[in-house]
Amino acid sequence: MTPELYAALRAEGPGRKSIAVNAIDDTLDHVPFRQLPQWLKWWKIASKVRDKLEAWRLEATYAISDAWKALRQWR
């Protein structure tokens, strides 16, 4: 990755509605962590934390839904 490409990614911004999200995710998949600029390292860490929190939220939602269905069938 060249500094110009990193600058272009940074200019697009890390917003979830940005088209650059896919480009940034692709960059994070293919460029070793130690070679990323500092701002992109923080993006990768924040992205992993956000993904883990979303996974936990979904697991809790499914567990509550399954428990609710089991209670309704038990009656």
C-alpha atoms as a PDB file:
ATOM      1  CA  MET A   1       0.000   0.000   0.000  1.00  0.00           C
ATOM      2  CA  THR A   2       1.250   3.407  -0.901  1.00  0.00           C
ATOM      3  CA  PRO A   3       0.838   6.557   1.203  1.00  0.00           C
ATOM      4  CA  GLU A   4      -1.479   7.909  -1.488  1.00  0.00           C
ATOM      5  CA  LEU A   5      -3.842   4.949  -1.133  1.00  0.00           C
ATOM      6  CA  TYR A   6      -3.881   5.300   2.641  1.00  0.00           C
ATOM      7  CA  ALA A   7      -4.618   9.009   2.217  1.00  0.00           C
ATOM      8  CA  ALA A   8      -7.498   8.217  -0.131  1.00  0.00           C
ATOM      9  CA  LEU A   9      -8.957   5.711   2.323  1.00  0.00           C
ATOM     10  CA  ARG A  10      -8.614   8.158   5.180  1.00  0.00           C
ATOM     11  CA  ALA A  11     -10.218  10.944   3.157  1.00  0.00           C
ATOM     12  CA  GLU A  12     -13.288   8.791   2.529  1.00  0.00           C
ATOM     13  CA  GLY A  13     -13.722   8.406   6.269  1.00  0.00           C
ATOM     14  CA  PRO A  14     -14.535   5.449   8.451  1.00  0.00           C
ATOM     15  CA  GLY A  15     -18.294   6.025   8.542  1.00  0.00           C
ATOM     16  CA  ARG A  16     -20.439   2.908   8.284  1.00  0.00           C
ATOM     17  CA  LYS A  17     -22.316   4.353   5.300  1.00  0.00           C
ATOM     18  CA  SER A  18     -19.112   5.135   3.437  1.00  0.00           C
ATOM     19  CA  ILE A  19     -18.109   3.129   0.368  1.00  0.00           C
ATOM     20  CA  ALA A  20     -14.599   3.152   1.835  1.00  0.00           C
ATOM     21  CA  VAL A  21     -15.667   0.699   4.528  1.00  0.00           C
ATOM     22  CA  ASN A  22     -15.313  -2.192   2.091  1.00  0.00           C
ATOM     23  CA  ALA A  23     -11.956  -0.901   0.880  1.00  0.00           C
ATOM     24  CA  ILE A  24     -10.706  -0.452   4.440  1.00  0.00           C
ATOM     25  CA  ASP A  25     -11.899  -3.937   5.416  1.00  0.00           C
ATOM     26  CA  ASP A  26     -10.147  -5.397   2.379  1.00  0.00           C
ATOM     27  CA  THR A  27      -6.973  -3.541   3.311  1.00  0.00           C
ATOM     28  CA  LEU A  28      -7.156  -4.861   6.862  1.00  0.00           C
ATOM     29  CA  ASP A  29      -7.532  -8.404   5.538  1.00  0.00           C
ATOM     30  CA  HIS A  30      -4.480  -8.276   3.270  1.00  0.00           C
ATOM     31  CA  VAL A  31      -1.960  -5.919   4.873  1.00  0.00           C
ATOM     32  CA  PRO A  32      -0.054  -7.147   7.939  1.00  0.00           C
ATOM     33  CA  PHE A  33      -0.990  -5.270  11.117  1.00  0.00           C
ATOM     34  CA  ARG A  34       2.573  -4.052  11.734  1.00  0.00           C
ATOM     35  CA  GLN A  35       2.608  -2.359   8.301  1.00  0.00           C
ATOM     36  CA  LEU A  36      -0.591  -0.389   8.842  1.00  0.00           C
ATOM     37  CA  PRO A  37      -0.484   3.307   9.734  1.00  0.00           C
ATOM     38  CA  GLN A  38      -1.510   4.155  13.300  1.00  0.00           C
ATOM     39  CA  TRP A  39      -5.010   5.403  12.383  1.00  0.00           C
ATOM     40  CA  LEU A  40      -5.750   2.184  10.504  1.00  0.00           C
ATOM     41  CA  LYS A  41      -4.513   0.069  13.419  1.00  0.00           C
ATOM     42  CA  TRP A  42      -7.059   1.839  15.637  1.00  0.00           C
ATOM     43  CA  TRP A  43      -9.730   1.251  12.987  1.00  0.00           C
ATOM     44  CA  LYS A  44      -8.954  -2.484  12.979  1.00  0.00           C
ATOM     45  CA  ILE A  45      -9.111  -2.734  16.762  1.00  0.00           C
ATOM     46  CA  ALA A  46     -12.362  -0.758  16.934  1.00  0.00           C
ATOM     47  CA  SER A  47     -13.848  -2.881  14.154  1.00  0.00           C
ATOM     48  CA  LYS A  48     -13.000  -6.128  15.967  1.00  0.00           C
ATOM     49  CA  VAL A  49     -14.488  -4.846  19.238  1.00  0.00           C
ATOM     50  CA  ARG A  50     -17.657  -3.680  17.458  1.00  0.00           C
ATOM     51  CA  ASP A  51     -18.013  -7.049  15.701  1.00  0.00           C
ATOM     52  CA  LYS A  52     -17.584  -8.966  18.980  1.00  0.00           C
ATOM     53  CA  LEU A  53     -20.174  -6.809  20.755  1.00  0.00           C
ATOM     54  CA  GLU A  54     -22.615  -7.358  17.889  1.00  0.00           C
ATOM     55  CA  ALA A  55     -22.040 -11.122  18.062  1.00  0.00           C
ATOM     56  CA  TRP A  56     -22.731 -11.143  21.803  1.00  0.00           C
ATOM     57  CA  ARG A  57     -25.876  -9.079  21.280  1.00  0.00           C
ATOM     58  CA  LEU A  58     -27.148 -11.496  18.652  1.00  0.00           C
ATOM     59  CA  GLU A  59     -26.360 -14.540  20.805  1.00  0.00           C
ATOM     60  CA  ALA A  60     -28.279 -13.008  23.716  1.00  0.00           C
ATOM     61  CA  THR A  61     -31.198 -12.136  21.446  1.00  0.00           C
ATOM     62  CA  TYR A  62     -31.369 -15.683  20.087  1.00  0.00           C
ATOM     63  CA  ALA A  63     -31.088 -17.198  23.567  1.00  0.00           C
ATOM     64  CA  ILE A  64     -33.946 -15.028  24.854  1.00  0.00           C
ATOM     65  CA  SER A  65     -36.036 -15.865  21.799  1.00  0.00           C
ATOM     66  CA  ASP A  66     -35.428 -19.607  22.231  1.00  0.00           C
ATOM     67  CA  ALA A  67     -36.238 -19.428  25.946  1.00  0.00           C
ATOM     68  CA  TRP A  68     -39.453 -17.544  25.193  1.00  0.00           C
ATOM     69  CA  LYS A  69     -40.482 -20.156  22.614  1.00  0.00           C
ATOM     70  CA  ALA A  70     -39.741 -22.971  25.073  1.00  0.00           C
ATOM     71  CA  LEU A  71     -41.851 -21.290  27.758  1.00  0.00           C
ATOM     72  CA  ARG A  72     -44.772 -20.831  25.378  1.00  0.00           C
ATOM     73  CA  GLN A  73     -44.645 -24.502  24.353  1.00  0.00           C
ATOM     74  CA  TRP A  74     -44.416 -25.653  27.958  1.00  0.00           C
ATOM     75  CA  ARG A  75     -47.729 -24.028  28.880  1.00  0.00           C
END
